[in-house]
Each structure stands twice: as C-alpha cells, then as structure tokens.
C-alpha cells in the first residue's frame, strides 16, 4: 500500500529553544507544551508560565485533563488563548 507523503509546510516546525506551543482542537481542547509551571487554575482560566512570559487559556468549565512535567491538556469551552510577553525575559 502506498503512503502519502506529508507536505513540508504541514510538518511541525523544529522547536530547539523549547518555546511554548499551544495546539487547539476546535473549541473544546488545548494542548500546551513546553510550559514551566502552572500559575493559575480556575474554571475560567488556566495560566502557565513559559520561557518568555505566560500563556492563558480562557473559557468556561475548564479542567485539566492531563498534566505532565512540560505539557498539559485543558478541556472545556475554550473562548481564547492569550500569550503574555515578559519584556525582561528577553
């Protein structure tokens, strides 16, 4: 069976500096990778520290589905994702 080759544009970009990567699946699930700690957790906001500031997932009925050392999955109704840049972080 022949397999289709994935176009280079669709491949994950290399991330050697371990920058935050946020992947949403519709409006019900978000994967946050390369975070450095949980800052805030409520049904309306999940905020994590990242290399250059913070990332915040805002919505309704948010819950942590899976938590790992450097990644977590947020479920619920996701309304927005914000990146907060810390100018002193470089």
PDB file of N, CA and C in Angstrom:
ATOM      1  N   UNK A   1       0.839  -1.180   0.000  1.00  0.00           N
ATOM      2  CA  UNK A   1       0.000   0.000   0.000  1.00  0.00           C
ATOM      3  C   UNK A   1       0.882   1.241   0.000  1.00  0.00           C
ATOM      4  N   UNK A   2       0.527   2.183  -0.834  1.00  0.00           N
ATOM      5  CA  UNK A   2       1.279   3.411  -0.970  1.00  0.00           C
ATOM      6  C   UNK A   2       0.861   4.401   0.118  1.00  0.00           C
ATOM      7  N   UNK A   3       1.843   5.033   0.755  1.00  0.00           N
ATOM      8  CA  UNK A   3       1.522   6.046   1.763  1.00  0.00           C
ATOM      9  C   UNK A   3       1.746   7.422   1.164  1.00  0.00           C
ATOM     10  N   UNK A   4       0.922   8.357   1.583  1.00  0.00           N
ATOM     11  CA  UNK A   4       1.054   9.719   1.088  1.00  0.00           C
ATOM     12  C   UNK A   4       2.126  10.444   1.880  1.00  0.00           C
ATOM     13  N   UNK A   5       2.957  11.176   1.182  1.00  0.00           N
ATOM     14  CA  UNK A   5       3.993  11.955   1.841  1.00  0.00           C
ATOM     15  C   UNK A   5       3.390  13.283   2.296  1.00  0.00           C
ATOM     16  N   UNK A   6       3.679  13.639   3.533  1.00  0.00           N
ATOM     17  CA  UNK A   6       3.134  14.882   4.086  1.00  0.00           C
ATOM     18  C   UNK A   6       3.939  16.068   3.557  1.00  0.00           C
ATOM     19  N   UNK A   7       3.279  17.131   3.088  1.00  0.00           N
ATOM     20  CA  UNK A   7       3.997  18.313   2.629  1.00  0.00           C
ATOM     21  C   UNK A   7       4.813  18.933   3.771  1.00  0.00           C
ATOM     22  N   UNK A   8       5.964  19.469   3.447  1.00  0.00           N
ATOM     23  CA  UNK A   8       6.847  20.069   4.458  1.00  0.00           C
ATOM     24  C   UNK A   8       6.151  21.193   5.224  1.00  0.00           C
ATOM     25  N   UNK A   9       5.238  21.905   4.581  1.00  0.00           N
ATOM     26  CA  UNK A   9       4.533  23.007   5.236  1.00  0.00           C
ATOM     27  C   UNK A   9       3.664  22.520   6.389  1.00  0.00           C
ATOM     28  N   UNK A  10       3.241  21.256   6.367  1.00  0.00           N
ATOM     29  CA  UNK A  10       2.366  20.733   7.407  1.00  0.00           C
ATOM     30  C   UNK A  10       3.128  20.037   8.532  1.00  0.00           C
ATOM     31  N   UNK A  11       4.420  19.876   8.380  1.00  0.00           N
ATOM     32  CA  UNK A  11       5.220  19.231   9.424  1.00  0.00           C
ATOM     33  C   UNK A  11       5.431  20.212  10.569  1.00  0.00           C
ATOM     34  N   UNK A  12       5.592  19.675  11.784  1.00  0.00           N
ATOM     35  CA  UNK A  12       5.866  20.536  12.933  1.00  0.00           C
ATOM     36  C   UNK A  12       7.167  21.285  12.710  1.00  0.00           C
ATOM     37  N   UNK A  13       7.153  22.560  13.018  1.00  0.00           N
ATOM     38  CA  UNK A  13       8.377  23.347  12.953  1.00  0.00           C
ATOM     39  C   UNK A  13       9.292  22.903  14.090  1.00  0.00           C
ATOM     40  N   UNK A  14      10.599  22.850  13.827  1.00  0.00           N
ATOM     41  CA  UNK A  14      11.503  22.487  14.911  1.00  0.00           C
ATOM     42  C   UNK A  14      11.398  23.497  16.048  1.00  0.00           C
ATOM     43  N   UNK A  15      11.583  23.049  17.269  1.00  0.00           N
ATOM     44  CA  UNK A  15      11.424  23.915  18.433  1.00  0.00           C
ATOM     45  C   UNK A  15      12.601  23.709  19.391  1.00  0.00           C
ATOM     46  N   UNK A  16      13.836  23.987  18.922  1.00  0.00           N
ATOM     47  CA  UNK A  16      15.002  23.708  19.763  1.00  0.00           C
ATOM     48  C   UNK A  16      15.095  24.597  21.000  1.00  0.00           C
ATOM     49  N   UNK A  17      14.467  25.766  20.983  1.00  0.00           N
ATOM     50  CA  UNK A  17      14.554  26.674  22.137  1.00  0.00           C
ATOM     51  C   UNK A  17      13.453  26.406  23.154  1.00  0.00           C
ATOM     52  N   UNK A  18      12.621  25.400  22.901  1.00  0.00           N
ATOM     53  CA  UNK A  18      11.570  24.993  23.844  1.00  0.00           C
ATOM     54  C   UNK A  18      10.570  26.117  24.120  1.00  0.00           C
ATOM     55  N   UNK A  19      10.204  26.857  23.079  1.00  0.00           N
ATOM     56  CA  UNK A  19       9.173  27.888  23.206  1.00  0.00           C
ATOM     57  C   UNK A  19       7.830  27.217  23.465  1.00  0.00           C
ATOM     58  N   UNK A  20       6.898  27.964  24.053  1.00  0.00           N
ATOM     59  CA  UNK A  20       5.558  27.440  24.305  1.00  0.00           C
ATOM     60  C   UNK A  20       4.904  27.086  22.971  1.00  0.00           C
ATOM     61  N   UNK A  21       4.217  25.968  22.942  1.00  0.00           N
ATOM     62  CA  UNK A  21       3.457  25.561  21.762  1.00  0.00           C
ATOM     63  C   UNK A  21       2.048  25.257  22.241  1.00  0.00           C
ATOM     64  N   UNK A  22       1.064  25.955  21.657  1.00  0.00           N
ATOM     65  CA  UNK A  22      -0.332  25.755  22.023  1.00  0.00           C
ATOM     66  C   UNK A  22      -1.059  25.220  20.795  1.00  0.00           C
ATOM     67  N   UNK A  23      -1.677  24.063  20.956  1.00  0.00           N
ATOM     68  CA  UNK A  23      -2.434  23.443  19.874  1.00  0.00           C
ATOM     69  C   UNK A  23      -3.870  23.296  20.353  1.00  0.00           C
ATOM     70  N   UNK A  24      -4.818  23.866  19.596  1.00  0.00           N
ATOM     71  CA  UNK A  24      -6.222  23.717  19.964  1.00  0.00           C
ATOM     72  C   UNK A  24      -6.895  22.755  18.996  1.00  0.00           C
ATOM     73  N   UNK A  25      -7.825  22.003  19.527  1.00  0.00           N
ATOM     74  CA  UNK A  25      -8.651  21.124  18.722  1.00  0.00           C
ATOM     75  C   UNK A  25     -10.068  21.648  18.867  1.00  0.00           C
ATOM     76  N   UNK A  26     -10.521  22.373  17.855  1.00  0.00           N
ATOM     77  CA  UNK A  26     -11.826  23.019  17.936  1.00  0.00           C
ATOM     78  C   UNK A  26     -11.848  23.995  19.096  1.00  0.00           C
ATOM     79  N   UNK A  27     -12.988  24.072  19.785  1.00  0.00           N
ATOM     80  CA  UNK A  27     -13.096  24.969  20.937  1.00  0.00           C
ATOM     81  C   UNK A  27     -13.264  24.190  22.238  1.00  0.00           C
ATOM     82  N   UNK A  28     -12.840  22.902  22.234  1.00  0.00           N
ATOM     83  CA  UNK A  28     -13.060  22.054  23.404  1.00  0.00           C
ATOM     84  C   UNK A  28     -11.790  21.461  24.022  1.00  0.00           C
ATOM     85  N   UNK A  29     -10.640  21.622  23.378  1.00  0.00           N
ATOM     86  CA  UNK A  29      -9.428  21.011  23.912  1.00  0.00           C
ATOM     87  C   UNK A  29      -8.213  21.816  23.467  1.00  0.00           C
ATOM     88  N   UNK A  30      -7.253  21.996  24.379  1.00  0.00           N
ATOM     89  CA  UNK A  30      -5.996  22.674  24.056  1.00  0.00           C
ATOM     90  C   UNK A  30      -4.839  21.913  24.690  1.00  0.00           C
ATOM     91  N   UNK A  31      -3.786  21.752  23.934  1.00  0.00           N
ATOM     92  CA  UNK A  31      -2.557  21.139  24.414  1.00  0.00           C
ATOM     93  C   UNK A  31      -1.522  22.238  24.539  1.00  0.00           C
ATOM     94  N   UNK A  32      -0.962  22.410  25.734  1.00  0.00           N
ATOM     95  CA  UNK A  32       0.088  23.397  25.971  1.00  0.00           C
ATOM     96  C   UNK A  32       1.377  22.641  26.256  1.00  0.00           C
ATOM     97  N   UNK A  33       2.357  22.817  25.387  1.00  0.00           N
ATOM     98  CA  UNK A  33       3.634  22.124  25.527  1.00  0.00           C
ATOM     99  C   UNK A  33       4.737  23.110  25.876  1.00  0.00           C
ATOM    100  N   UNK A  34       5.732  22.630  26.575  1.00  0.00           N
ATOM    101  CA  UNK A  34       6.927  23.397  26.944  1.00  0.00           C
ATOM    102  C   UNK A  34       6.648  24.483  27.971  1.00  0.00           C
ATOM    103  N   UNK A  35       5.639  24.303  28.816  1.00  0.00           N
ATOM    104  CA  UNK A  35       5.412  25.257  29.898  1.00  0.00           C
ATOM    105  C   UNK A  35       6.402  24.961  31.021  1.00  0.00           C
ATOM    106  N   UNK A  36       6.560  25.923  31.931  1.00  0.00           N
ATOM    107  CA  UNK A  36       7.497  25.723  33.046  1.00  0.00           C
ATOM    108  C   UNK A  36       6.796  25.799  34.398  1.00  0.00           C
ATOM    109  N   UNK A  37       5.483  25.691  34.401  1.00  0.00           N
ATOM    110  CA  UNK A  37       4.755  25.655  35.665  1.00  0.00           C
ATOM    111  C   UNK A  37       3.376  26.256  35.562  1.00  0.00           C
ATOM    112  N   UNK A  38       2.490  25.794  36.414  1.00  0.00           N
ATOM    113  CA  UNK A  38       1.108  26.279  36.464  1.00  0.00           C
ATOM    114  C   UNK A  38       1.061  27.526  37.347  1.00  0.00           C
ATOM    115  N   UNK A  39       0.510  28.622  36.830  1.00  0.00           N
ATOM    116  CA  UNK A  39       0.400  29.872  37.578  1.00  0.00           C
ATOM    117  C   UNK A  39      -0.989  30.084  38.161  1.00  0.00           C
ATOM    118  N   UNK A  40      -2.014  29.690  37.405  1.00  0.00           N
ATOM    119  CA  UNK A  40      -3.399  29.928  37.820  1.00  0.00           C
ATOM    120  C   UNK A  40      -4.278  28.836  37.235  1.00  0.00           C
ATOM    121  N   UNK A  41      -5.258  28.409  38.028  1.00  0.00           N
ATOM    122  CA  UNK A  41      -6.173  27.384  37.548  1.00  0.00           C
ATOM    123  C   UNK A  41      -7.552  27.640  38.130  1.00  0.00           C
ATOM    124  N   UNK A  42      -8.520  27.890  37.253  1.00  0.00           N
ATOM    125  CA  UNK A  42      -9.914  28.055  37.644  1.00  0.00           C
ATOM    126  C   UNK A  42     -10.773  27.577  36.478  1.00  0.00           C
ATOM    127  N   UNK A  43     -12.097  27.466  36.677  1.00  0.00           N
ATOM    128  CA  UNK A  43     -12.961  27.056  35.570  1.00  0.00           C
ATOM    129  C   UNK A  43     -13.006  28.068  34.416  1.00  0.00           C
ATOM    130  N   UNK A  44     -12.477  29.279  34.638  1.00  0.00           N
ATOM    131  CA  UNK A  44     -12.478  30.313  33.596  1.00  0.00           C
ATOM    132  C   UNK A  44     -11.099  30.585  33.011  1.00  0.00           C
ATOM    133  N   UNK A  45     -10.024  30.161  33.687  1.00  0.00           N
ATOM    134  CA  UNK A  45      -8.680  30.499  33.217  1.00  0.00           C
ATOM    135  C   UNK A  45      -7.652  29.464  33.668  1.00  0.00           C
ATOM    136  N   UNK A  46      -6.855  29.004  32.722  1.00  0.00           N
ATOM    137  CA  UNK A  46      -5.687  28.182  33.035  1.00  0.00           C
ATOM    138  C   UNK A  46      -4.493  28.958  32.497  1.00  0.00           C
ATOM    139  N   UNK A  47      -3.601  29.329  33.395  1.00  0.00           N
ATOM    140  CA  UNK A  47      -2.450  30.160  33.028  1.00  0.00           C
ATOM    141  C   UNK A  47      -1.174  29.439  33.420  1.00  0.00           C
ATOM    142  N   UNK A  48      -0.244  29.352  32.465  1.00  0.00           N
ATOM    143  CA  UNK A  48       1.025  28.675  32.711  1.00  0.00           C
ATOM    144  C   UNK A  48       2.186  29.612  32.421  1.00  0.00           C
ATOM    145  N   UNK A  49       3.266  29.391  33.143  1.00  0.00           N
ATOM    146  CA  UNK A  49       4.498  30.142  32.912  1.00  0.00           C
ATOM    147  C   UNK A  49       5.189  29.525  31.708  1.00  0.00           C
ATOM    148  N   UNK A  50       5.800  30.367  30.902  1.00  0.00           N
ATOM    149  CA  UNK A  50       6.596  29.873  29.788  1.00  0.00           C
ATOM    150  C   UNK A  50       7.865  30.711  29.681  1.00  0.00           C
ATOM    151  N   UNK A  51       8.722  30.329  28.796  1.00  0.00           N
ATOM    152  CA  UNK A  51      10.055  30.917  28.705  1.00  0.00           C
ATOM    153  C   UNK A  51      10.035  32.437  28.590  1.00  0.00           C
ATOM    154  N   UNK A  52       9.112  32.991  27.863  1.00  0.00           N
ATOM    155  CA  UNK A  52       9.083  34.442  27.632  1.00  0.00           C
ATOM    156  C   UNK A  52       7.864  35.131  28.222  1.00  0.00           C
ATOM    157  N   UNK A  53       7.279  34.563  29.267  1.00  0.00           N
ATOM    158  CA  UNK A  53       6.115  35.180  29.890  1.00  0.00           C
ATOM    159  C   UNK A  53       5.131  34.143  30.376  1.00  0.00           C
ATOM    160  N   UNK A  54       3.908  34.210  29.835  1.00  0.00           N
ATOM    161  CA  UNK A  54       2.865  33.274  30.251  1.00  0.00           C
ATOM    162  C   UNK A  54       1.914  33.030  29.089  1.00  0.00           C
ATOM    163  N   UNK A  55       1.177  31.931  29.190  1.00  0.00           N
ATOM    164  CA  UNK A  55       0.127  31.609  28.229  1.00  0.00           C
ATOM    165  C   UNK A  55      -1.135  31.346  29.033  1.00  0.00           C
ATOM    166  N   UNK A  56      -2.260  31.878  28.543  1.00  0.00           N
ATOM    167  CA  UNK A  56      -3.517  31.752  29.270  1.00  0.00           C
ATOM    168  C   UNK A  56      -4.597  31.214  28.332  1.00  0.00           C
ATOM    169  N   UNK A  57      -5.270  30.173  28.785  1.00  0.00           N
ATOM    170  CA  UNK A  57      -6.432  29.641  28.076  1.00  0.00           C
ATOM    171  C   UNK A  57      -7.647  30.117  28.857  1.00  0.00           C
ATOM    172  N   UNK A  58      -8.536  30.856  28.200  1.00  0.00           N
ATOM    173  CA  UNK A  58      -9.721  31.410  28.856  1.00  0.00           C
ATOM    174  C   UNK A  58     -10.975  30.751  28.283  1.00  0.00           C
ATOM    175  N   UNK A  59     -11.978  30.574  29.147  1.00  0.00           N
ATOM    176  CA  UNK A  59     -13.217  29.974  28.672  1.00  0.00           C
ATOM    177  C   UNK A  59     -14.158  29.657  29.812  1.00  0.00           C
ATOM    178  N   UNK A  60     -14.958  28.626  29.636  1.00  0.00           N
ATOM    179  CA  UNK A  60     -15.959  28.224  30.627  1.00  0.00           C
ATOM    180  C   UNK A  60     -15.828  26.725  30.908  1.00  0.00           C
ATOM    181  N   UNK A  61     -15.932  26.359  32.173  1.00  0.00           N
ATOM    182  CA  UNK A  61     -15.882  24.960  32.557  1.00  0.00           C
ATOM    183  C   UNK A  61     -14.558  24.300  32.247  1.00  0.00           C
ATOM    184  N   UNK A  62     -13.457  25.048  32.358  1.00  0.00           N
ATOM    185  CA  UNK A  62     -12.152  24.500  32.024  1.00  0.00           C
ATOM    186  C   UNK A  62     -11.687  23.508  33.092  1.00  0.00           C
ATOM    187  N   UNK A  63     -11.024  22.468  32.636  1.00  0.00           N
ATOM    188  CA  UNK A  63     -10.483  21.445  33.540  1.00  0.00           C
ATOM    189  C   UNK A  63      -9.167  20.959  32.963  1.00  0.00           C
ATOM    190  N   UNK A  64      -8.281  20.514  33.858  1.00  0.00           N
ATOM    191  CA  UNK A  64      -7.021  19.909  33.429  1.00  0.00           C
ATOM    192  C   UNK A  64      -7.266  18.426  33.193  1.00  0.00           C
ATOM    193  N   UNK A  65      -7.149  18.012  31.966  1.00  0.00           N
ATOM    194  CA  UNK A  65      -7.412  16.619  31.599  1.00  0.00           C
ATOM    195  C   UNK A  65      -6.188  15.745  31.846  1.00  0.00           C
ATOM    196  N   UNK A  66      -5.021  16.287  31.514  1.00  0.00           N
ATOM    197  CA  UNK A  66      -3.769  15.552  31.710  1.00  0.00           C
ATOM    198  C   UNK A  66      -2.686  16.558  32.033  1.00  0.00           C
ATOM    199  N   UNK A  67      -1.851  16.228  33.009  1.00  0.00           N
ATOM    200  CA  UNK A  67      -0.760  17.117  33.401  1.00  0.00           C
ATOM    201  C   UNK A  67       0.530  16.315  33.405  1.00  0.00           C
ATOM    202  N   UNK A  68       1.490  16.794  32.646  1.00  0.00           N
ATOM    203  CA  UNK A  68       2.827  16.204  32.633  1.00  0.00           C
ATOM    204  C   UNK A  68       3.833  17.289  32.982  1.00  0.00           C
ATOM    205  N   UNK A  69       5.078  16.910  33.130  1.00  0.00           N
ATOM    206  CA  UNK A  69       6.124  17.847  33.544  1.00  0.00           C
ATOM    207  C   UNK A  69       6.160  19.101  32.671  1.00  0.00           C
ATOM    208  N   UNK A  70       6.082  18.943  31.357  1.00  0.00           N
ATOM    209  CA  UNK A  70       6.194  20.103  30.473  1.00  0.00           C
ATOM    210  C   UNK A  70       5.026  20.241  29.500  1.00  0.00           C
ATOM    211  N   UNK A  71       3.929  19.544  29.761  1.00  0.00           N
ATOM    212  CA  UNK A  71       2.763  19.642  28.881  1.00  0.00           C
ATOM    213  C   UNK A  71       1.495  19.373  29.669  1.00  0.00           C
ATOM    214  N   UNK A  72       0.413  20.001  29.222  1.00  0.00           N
ATOM    215  CA  UNK A  72      -0.884  19.720  29.838  1.00  0.00           C
ATOM    216  C   UNK A  72      -1.990  19.888  28.813  1.00  0.00           C
ATOM    217  N   UNK A  73      -3.111  19.216  29.088  1.00  0.00           N
ATOM    218  CA  UNK A  73      -4.281  19.296  28.226  1.00  0.00           C
ATOM    219  C   UNK A  73      -5.402  19.960  29.012  1.00  0.00           C
ATOM    220  N   UNK A  74      -5.992  20.990  28.407  1.00  0.00           N
ATOM    221  CA  UNK A  74      -7.118  21.714  29.000  1.00  0.00           C
ATOM    222  C   UNK A  74      -8.359  21.372  28.198  1.00  0.00           C
ATOM    223  N   UNK A  75      -9.448  21.020  28.898  1.00  0.00           N
ATOM    224  CA  UNK A  75     -10.721  20.763  28.225  1.00  0.00           C
ATOM    225  C   UNK A  75     -11.764  21.731  28.763  1.00  0.00           C
ATOM    226  N   UNK A  76     -12.854  21.875  28.038  1.00  0.00           N
ATOM    227  CA  UNK A  76     -13.928  22.793  28.388  1.00  0.00           C
ATOM    228  C   UNK A  76     -14.245  23.646  27.171  1.00  0.00           C
ATOM    229  N   UNK A  77     -15.015  24.691  27.355  1.00  0.00           N
ATOM    230  CA  UNK A  77     -15.329  25.599  26.258  1.00  0.00           C
ATOM    231  C   UNK A  77     -14.241  26.663  26.192  1.00  0.00           C
ATOM    232  N   UNK A  78     -13.369  26.570  25.202  1.00  0.00           N
ATOM    233  CA  UNK A  78     -12.250  27.488  25.063  1.00  0.00           C
ATOM    234  C   UNK A  78     -12.687  28.678  24.218  1.00  0.00           C
ATOM    235  N   UNK A  79     -12.594  29.862  24.804  1.00  0.00           N
ATOM    236  CA  UNK A  79     -13.007  31.084  24.113  1.00  0.00           C
ATOM    237  C   UNK A  79     -11.830  31.843  23.526  1.00  0.00           C
ATOM    238  N   UNK A  80     -10.671  31.786  24.207  1.00  0.00           N
ATOM    239  CA  UNK A  80      -9.495  32.464  23.657  1.00  0.00           C
ATOM    240  C   UNK A  80      -8.227  31.934  24.313  1.00  0.00           C
ATOM    241  N   UNK A  81      -7.128  32.138  23.600  1.00  0.00           N
ATOM    242  CA  UNK A  81      -5.795  31.815  24.096  1.00  0.00           C
ATOM    243  C   UNK A  81      -4.973  33.087  23.993  1.00  0.00           C
ATOM    244  N   UNK A  82      -4.337  33.464  25.086  1.00  0.00           N
ATOM    245  CA  UNK A  82      -3.538  34.690  25.110  1.00  0.00           C
ATOM    246  C   UNK A  82      -2.101  34.360  25.470  1.00  0.00           C
ATOM    247  N   UNK A  83      -1.163  35.047  24.820  1.00  0.00           N
ATOM    248  CA  UNK A  83       0.241  34.953  25.174  1.00  0.00           C
ATOM    249  C   UNK A  83       0.628  36.282  25.819  1.00  0.00           C
ATOM    250  N   UNK A  84       1.151  36.206  27.020  1.00  0.00           N
ATOM    251  CA  UNK A  84       1.563  37.394  27.763  1.00  0.00           C
ATOM    252  C   UNK A  84       3.082  37.439  27.723  1.00  0.00           C
ATOM    253  N   UNK A  85       3.632  38.454  27.064  1.00  0.00           N
ATOM    254  CA  UNK A  85       5.079  38.561  26.896  1.00  0.00           C
ATOM    255  C   UNK A  85       5.690  39.333  28.046  1.00  0.00           C
ATOM    256  N   UNK A  86       6.779  38.801  28.556  1.00  0.00           N
ATOM    257  CA  UNK A  86       7.538  39.446  29.617  1.00  0.00           C
ATOM    258  C   UNK A  86       8.750  40.087  28.957  1.00  0.00           C
ATOM    259  N   UNK A  87       8.766  41.425  28.892  1.00  0.00           N
ATOM    260  CA  UNK A  87       9.834  42.126  28.195  1.00  0.00           C
ATOM    261  C   UNK A  87      11.198  41.886  28.844  1.00  0.00           C
ATOM    262  N   UNK A  88      11.243  41.561  30.135  1.00  0.00           N
ATOM    263  CA  UNK A  88      12.526  41.314  30.803  1.00  0.00           C
ATOM    264  C   UNK A  88      13.030  39.905  30.546  1.00  0.00           C
ATOM    265  N   UNK A  89      12.193  39.033  29.963  1.00  0.00           N
ATOM    266  CA  UNK A  89      12.588  37.647  29.716  1.00  0.00           C
ATOM    267  C   UNK A  89      13.440  37.499  28.460  1.00  0.00           C
ATOM    268  N   UNK A  90      13.574  38.561  27.684  1.00  0.00           N
ATOM    269  CA  UNK A  90      14.440  38.512  26.500  1.00  0.00           C
ATOM    270  C   UNK A  90      13.667  38.112  25.331  1.00  0.00           C
TER     271      UNK A  90
END
